[in-house]
Protein backbone atom coordinates (compact mmCIF):
# COMPACT_ATOMS: atom_id res chain seq x y z
CA MET A 1 -13.50 -0.79 -18.58
CA MET A 2 -15.89 -3.14 -16.90
CA LEU A 3 -14.49 -6.44 -15.32
CA ALA A 4 -15.70 -9.82 -14.84
CA ALA A 5 -16.54 -11.68 -11.32
CA THR A 6 -15.03 -15.47 -12.51
CA LEU A 7 -11.76 -15.81 -11.16
CA SER A 8 -8.31 -17.55 -12.77
CA LEU A 9 -6.47 -20.21 -10.85
CA GLN A 10 -3.49 -19.55 -13.68
CA ALA A 11 -0.59 -16.76 -13.57
CA PRO A 12 -0.24 -14.52 -16.33
CA SER A 13 2.92 -13.91 -18.25
CA GLN A 14 4.50 -10.61 -18.43
CA GLY A 15 2.40 -9.07 -21.56
CA GLU A 16 -0.61 -10.20 -21.05
CA ILE A 17 -1.24 -8.34 -17.97
CA PRO A 18 -3.33 -5.20 -17.61
CA GLN A 19 -1.74 -1.84 -17.35
CA ALA A 20 -0.77 1.65 -17.55
CA VAL A 21 1.31 4.20 -18.35
CA ILE A 22 0.90 8.15 -16.99
CA SER A 23 3.35 11.01 -17.29
CA ASN A 24 2.82 14.66 -16.46
CA LYS A 25 6.37 14.78 -18.35
CA VAL A 26 7.76 14.69 -14.61
CA ILE A 27 7.29 12.05 -13.36
CA ARG A 28 6.81 8.66 -15.24
CA ALA A 29 4.86 5.92 -14.13
CA ARG A 30 3.69 1.99 -14.56
CA VAL A 31 0.76 0.65 -13.08
CA TYR A 32 -0.97 -2.80 -13.06
CA LEU A 33 -4.66 -2.08 -13.54
CA PRO A 34 -7.18 -4.32 -10.93
CA ASP A 35 -8.72 -7.83 -13.42
CA VAL A 36 -9.41 -10.55 -11.87
CA GLN A 37 -9.05 -13.14 -15.01
CA ALA A 38 -5.21 -11.94 -15.36
CA GLY A 39 -4.05 -9.17 -12.92
CA TYR A 40 -1.06 -9.08 -11.72
CA TYR A 41 -2.28 -9.20 -8.22
CA ARG A 42 -4.86 -11.42 -7.57
CA GLY A 43 -4.19 -11.62 -3.37
CA THR A 44 -6.32 -11.50 -0.65
CA ARG A 45 -4.39 -8.81 1.35
CA PHE A 46 -3.71 -5.85 -0.48
CA ASP A 47 -6.25 -3.50 -2.30
CA TRP A 48 -5.64 -4.57 -6.21
CA SER A 49 -5.53 -1.17 -7.51
CA GLY A 50 -2.73 0.77 -7.32
CA VAL A 51 -0.38 -1.53 -8.18
CA MET A 52 3.18 0.53 -9.05
CA PRO A 53 6.10 -1.38 -10.25
CA GLU A 54 7.75 1.57 -11.70
CA LEU A 55 7.50 5.09 -11.07
CA GLU A 56 11.06 6.85 -12.18
CA TYR A 57 11.49 10.67 -11.59
CA LYS A 58 15.10 12.54 -13.11
CA GLY A 59 16.84 9.43 -13.22
CA HIS A 60 15.99 7.79 -10.61
CA SER A 61 13.67 4.62 -10.06
CA TYR A 62 11.61 4.36 -6.45
CA PHE A 63 9.70 1.18 -7.17
CA GLY A 64 10.33 -2.46 -8.25
CA GLN A 65 10.76 -6.11 -7.58
CA TRP A 66 11.69 -6.36 -4.14
CA PHE A 67 10.79 -10.26 -3.19
CA GLU A 68 12.08 -13.43 -5.29
CA LYS A 69 9.09 -15.61 -5.91
CA TYR A 70 6.10 -14.41 -7.88
CA ASP A 71 2.44 -15.97 -7.47
CA PRO A 72 -0.70 -13.69 -8.78
CA PHE A 73 -2.16 -14.91 -5.54
CA LEU A 74 0.54 -14.84 -2.77
CA HIS A 75 -0.18 -12.46 0.09
CA ASP A 76 3.23 -9.66 -0.88
CA ALA A 77 4.33 -9.99 -4.45
CA ILE A 78 2.60 -6.61 -4.85
CA MET A 79 4.68 -3.31 -5.44
CA GLY A 80 4.54 0.28 -5.01
CA PRO A 81 2.46 2.14 -2.25
CA VAL A 82 -0.29 -0.36 -2.02
CA GLU A 83 -2.67 -0.63 0.95
CA GLU A 84 -4.30 -2.71 3.15
CA PHE A 85 -7.67 -2.58 4.67
CA ALA A 86 -8.48 -4.73 8.34
CA GLN A 87 -10.99 -6.65 7.55
CA MET A 88 -14.61 -6.56 8.41
CA GLY A 89 -17.05 -9.40 9.67
CA TYR A 90 -14.52 -12.53 10.11
CA GLU A 91 -14.80 -12.18 14.12
CA LYS A 92 -18.36 -12.76 13.66
CA ALA A 93 -18.49 -15.22 10.72
CA ASP A 94 -18.93 -18.96 10.91
CA THR A 95 -16.96 -21.30 9.72
CA GLY A 96 -17.77 -21.14 6.13
CA GLY A 97 -19.38 -17.71 6.26
CA THR A 98 -18.30 -14.68 4.41
CA PHE A 99 -16.07 -11.43 5.41
CA VAL A 100 -15.00 -8.04 3.80
CA LYS A 101 -11.71 -6.78 2.33
CA ILE A 102 -11.74 -3.43 1.18
CA GLY A 103 -10.26 -3.72 -1.97
CA VAL A 104 -9.98 -7.42 -2.65
CA GLY A 105 -13.82 -7.85 -1.70
CA THR A 106 -15.46 -11.14 -0.19
CA LEU A 107 -14.04 -13.77 1.27
CA LEU A 108 -14.90 -17.19 2.82
CA LYS A 109 -13.91 -17.87 6.21
CA PRO A 110 -12.05 -21.49 6.87
CA ALA A 111 -11.86 -23.35 10.13
CA GLU A 112 -9.17 -21.40 11.70
CA ASP A 113 -8.55 -20.33 15.14
CA ARG A 114 -7.37 -16.18 13.69
CA TYR A 115 -6.87 -14.27 10.96
CA ASN A 116 -4.05 -14.64 9.06
CA ARG A 117 -3.10 -11.81 6.49
CA PHE A 118 -0.20 -13.46 5.12
CA ASN A 119 -2.47 -16.39 3.79
CA TYR A 120 -5.02 -16.37 0.85
CA TYR A 121 -8.63 -16.93 1.21
CA LYS A 122 -10.82 -18.26 -1.57
CA ILE A 123 -13.07 -15.34 -2.92
CA GLU A 124 -16.51 -16.04 -2.99
CA ASP A 125 -17.71 -12.67 -5.38
CA PRO A 126 -14.58 -9.79 -5.92
CA GLY A 127 -17.22 -7.11 -7.13
CA THR A 128 -17.10 -5.26 -9.58
CA TRP A 129 -14.12 -2.46 -10.82
CA GLU A 130 -13.87 0.14 -13.04
CA VAL A 131 -10.83 1.96 -14.17
CA LYS A 132 -10.66 4.75 -16.45
CA LYS A 133 -7.35 5.92 -17.68
CA LYS A 134 -6.41 9.91 -18.29
CA SER A 135 -2.46 11.42 -19.26
CA GLY A 136 -1.75 11.80 -15.96
CA GLN A 137 -4.06 9.75 -13.40
CA ILE A 138 -6.05 7.04 -13.22
CA LEU A 139 -9.31 6.66 -12.03
CA PHE A 140 -10.27 2.67 -10.15
CA VAL A 141 -13.58 2.49 -8.67
CA HIS A 142 -14.39 -0.59 -6.52
CA GLN A 143 -18.20 -1.35 -6.24
CA LEU A 144 -19.31 -4.40 -3.49
CA GLU A 145 -22.46 -5.64 -2.93
CA HIS A 146 -23.03 -6.60 0.51
CA LYS A 147 -25.87 -7.15 3.34
CA ASP A 148 -23.69 -5.50 6.29
CA TYR A 149 -20.78 -3.47 4.51
CA GLY A 150 -21.64 -2.70 0.46
CA TYR A 151 -18.90 0.21 -0.61
CA LYS A 152 -18.46 2.08 -3.23
CA TYR A 153 -14.28 2.75 -3.08
CA GLU A 154 -13.01 4.96 -5.05
CA LYS A 155 -8.77 5.46 -5.38
CA THR A 156 -7.31 8.25 -8.38
CA VAL A 157 -4.20 7.56 -8.71
CA LYS A 158 -2.77 11.39 -10.02
CA LEU A 159 0.71 13.30 -11.13
CA ALA A 160 0.20 16.62 -9.99
CA ASN A 161 0.67 18.54 -13.39
CA GLY A 162 4.02 19.84 -13.97
CA LYS A 163 5.26 18.82 -10.67
CA PRO A 164 7.33 15.66 -9.41
CA VAL A 165 4.23 14.77 -6.93
CA LEU A 166 1.08 11.63 -6.71
CA GLU A 167 -1.01 12.60 -5.09
CA ILE A 168 -3.37 9.12 -3.87
CA ILE A 169 -7.07 10.82 -3.60
CA HIS A 170 -9.52 7.90 -1.93
CA SER A 171 -13.32 8.05 -1.00
CA LEU A 172 -15.33 4.95 0.70
CA GLU A 173 -19.02 4.89 0.31
CA ASN A 174 -21.07 2.40 3.36
CA ARG A 175 -23.65 0.91 1.13
CA GLY A 176 -24.37 -1.29 3.92
CA GLU A 177 -26.50 -1.77 6.94
CA LYS A 178 -23.38 -1.72 9.90
CA THR A 179 -20.88 1.01 10.15
CA ILE A 180 -17.66 0.50 8.31
CA GLU A 181 -14.93 0.24 11.32
CA THR A 182 -11.87 -0.58 9.79
CA ASN A 183 -8.07 1.14 9.49
CA VAL A 184 -5.83 1.30 6.29
CA TYR A 185 -2.01 1.83 5.92
CA ASN A 186 0.14 2.60 2.76
CA HIS A 187 2.87 -0.31 3.11
CA ASN A 188 4.72 1.98 0.59
CA PHE A 189 7.31 -0.53 -0.92
CA PHE A 190 10.12 1.45 -1.90
CA VAL A 191 12.84 0.24 -3.64
CA ILE A 192 15.48 3.56 -4.62
CA ASP A 193 17.76 3.05 -7.50
CA GLY A 194 17.44 -1.24 -7.28
CA ARG A 195 20.14 -0.70 -4.93
CA TYR A 196 20.10 -3.13 -1.37
CA THR A 197 18.85 -2.17 2.04
CA ALA A 198 22.34 -0.13 3.20
CA PRO A 199 24.34 2.51 5.28
CA GLY A 200 22.85 6.10 3.55
CA LEU A 201 19.29 5.34 3.60
CA LYS A 202 17.60 7.29 5.84
CA VAL A 203 14.02 7.74 7.02
CA ILE A 204 13.23 11.08 8.81
CA PHE A 205 9.65 11.69 11.02
CA PRO A 206 8.99 15.12 12.18
CA PHE A 207 9.27 13.86 15.90
CA GLU A 208 10.87 12.01 18.00
CA LEU A 209 11.31 8.19 18.21
CA LYS A 210 9.89 6.15 20.67
CA ILE A 211 10.51 1.74 19.75
CA ASP A 212 10.11 -0.98 22.10
CA SER A 213 13.93 -2.00 23.53
CA THR A 214 12.85 -5.38 22.52
CA ARG A 215 12.58 -4.12 18.89
CA ILE A 216 15.80 -2.95 19.00
CA SER A 217 18.01 -3.90 15.80
CA LYS A 218 21.64 -4.56 14.20
CA LEU A 219 20.04 -4.07 10.42
CA ALA A 220 18.72 -0.52 11.69
CA GLU A 221 19.11 2.66 14.10
CA ALA A 222 16.15 4.90 15.45
CA LYS A 223 17.53 7.73 17.47
CA ASP A 224 15.46 11.06 17.73
CA ASN A 225 14.01 11.14 14.40
CA THR A 226 15.77 9.67 12.31
CA ILE A 227 15.89 5.95 10.90
CA THR A 228 19.49 4.55 9.44
CA ILE A 229 20.14 1.44 7.97
CA THR A 230 23.56 0.84 10.09
CA ARG A 231 25.09 -2.08 7.41
CA GLU A 232 24.45 -3.86 4.08
CA PHE A 233 21.28 -6.28 4.58
CA VAL A 234 22.23 -9.72 3.03
CA LYS A 235 19.44 -12.30 1.26
CA GLY A 236 16.62 -14.00 3.54
CA GLU A 237 17.36 -10.42 6.45
CA THR A 238 14.81 -8.30 7.41
CA THR A 239 13.91 -5.82 10.36
CA ASN A 240 10.70 -4.83 12.08
CA LEU A 241 10.93 -2.37 14.64
CA GLY A 242 7.35 -2.84 15.47
CA SER A 243 5.39 -0.09 16.32
CA ILE A 244 7.14 3.35 16.60
CA THR A 245 5.11 5.61 18.62
CA GLY A 246 6.12 9.17 19.77
CA PHE A 247 3.40 10.98 16.80
CA GLY A 248 0.61 13.20 18.06
CA ALA A 249 -2.53 13.55 16.82
CA ASP A 250 -2.13 16.32 14.44
CA THR A 251 -1.83 15.44 10.94
CA ALA A 252 1.61 17.31 10.84
CA ASP A 253 2.59 14.43 12.74
CA TYR A 254 2.10 12.56 9.16
CA ASP A 255 5.31 13.09 6.64
CA ILE A 256 8.13 11.46 6.22
CA ARG A 257 11.30 11.62 4.88
CA ILE A 258 12.67 8.58 2.67
CA GLU A 259 16.46 9.36 1.34
CA ASN A 260 19.26 7.66 -0.24
CA HIS A 261 22.24 9.34 0.48
CA ASN A 262 24.09 6.23 -1.64
CA THR A 263 22.54 7.86 -4.51
CA GLY A 264 20.81 11.20 -4.41
CA ALA A 265 17.43 10.04 -4.27
CA GLY A 266 14.41 11.15 -1.94
CA VAL A 267 10.96 11.27 -1.29
CA ARG A 268 8.74 13.18 1.08
CA ILE A 269 5.28 11.50 2.24
CA THR A 270 2.28 13.43 3.68
CA GLY A 271 -1.61 12.88 4.34
CA ASP A 272 -4.38 14.42 5.70
CA LYS A 273 -5.44 11.89 8.65
CA PRO A 274 -3.79 11.70 11.81
CA ILE A 275 -1.41 8.78 11.81
CA THR A 276 -2.82 6.10 14.09
CA ARG A 277 -0.04 3.51 14.02
CA LEU A 278 3.33 2.80 12.69
CA ILE A 279 5.69 0.23 11.53
CA PHE A 280 9.23 0.31 10.01
CA TRP A 281 9.79 -2.85 8.07
CA ALA A 282 12.52 -3.41 5.65
CA SER A 283 14.01 -6.89 3.82
CA LEU A 284 17.26 -7.32 1.12
CA LYS A 285 15.83 -4.85 -1.46
CA VAL A 286 12.58 -2.85 -0.23
CA LEU A 287 12.30 0.43 3.01
CA SER A 288 9.01 0.18 4.31
CA PRO A 289 7.58 3.69 6.57
CA GLU A 290 3.57 2.09 7.45
CA PRO A 291 1.25 4.74 8.30
CA TYR A 292 -1.91 3.28 9.55
CA ILE A 293 -5.12 5.39 9.88
CA ASN A 294 -8.50 4.82 11.30
CA ILE A 295 -11.89 4.70 9.27
CA ARG A 296 -15.41 4.88 10.81
CA ILE A 297 -18.27 5.67 8.45
CA GLU A 298 -21.99 5.16 9.17
CA PRO A 299 -24.44 3.77 6.64
CA GLY A 300 -24.59 5.98 4.48
CA GLU A 301 -22.10 7.93 4.97
CA GLU A 302 -18.12 8.96 2.76
CA PHE A 303 -14.63 9.12 4.38
CA ARG A 304 -12.43 10.76 2.22
CA TRP A 305 -8.17 10.86 2.76
CA LYS A 306 -5.27 11.70 0.37
CA ILE A 307 -1.63 10.84 0.70
CA ARG A 308 1.39 13.24 -1.57
CA TYR A 309 4.36 12.18 -2.57
CA GLU A 310 6.97 14.78 -3.11
CA PHE A 311 10.04 13.56 -5.08
CA TYR A 312 12.95 15.32 -5.57
CA THR A 313 16.49 14.73 -5.18
CA LEU A 314 19.99 15.43 -2.47
CA ASP A 315 21.07 17.86 -4.88
CA ASN A 316 18.28 19.82 -4.82
């Protein structure tokens, strides 16, 4: 289906939100579909495709609402393994000029000193979205016509046949006149079994973590290759360990495990491109390791990458 290119200012009711359910008889997931009129998320921070409010495996749930206030235009009113691309063309645009966010469209630059990902920017052109669904997968195609940074972006959310595996497969084709130089990260908004963030939650990496001493937290401890939650969060608390280092240039370091030892649910996240930056953030109900990759695409060329989620239980 091709989606219209005009914007609505009214939030949809739950029954109006375009969505789809995919299953491979091992995993069941619900996915919100991008729509400029009635889409669940119409903010300007995150890629509109792949918003996932539910994923269930062996009686465990992995995603869900972690925030209190919902507004379709709010920058973080979003759920699941969602992604954000760095803006392109913002610095050289004049006030009233345009810049591009992949998965969102062409945005207008207001009078401000610097780009703020937490702001909403007026969308001049949301491009066109096409969505194709099969029983165990959804293909999203976003195309944007822009002289400098036009693109065709394809993203497939796919459940592996008969396995507890979710894959997010991407391709980005540069259809503009300038080189696309950006980065993208997955925010990984994990809300495991709906529990509060508390001791018993661990995030495990294949390398020794190095963290700026000024970012030491009373809520989370980083030791050797593991981040552990040290006490239960209360309403309003968050922790951000800043830019974590210690990873190398090998794709083997893009290998992250999140385990909830209170409920017995786990997930392993791997990627096929090297990590270039790593953030860890958590709040009352959500735990988010955020690995970045860099993207550079010459005009007429294409870039591909994949993220894999393998779900498991700790009694496996």
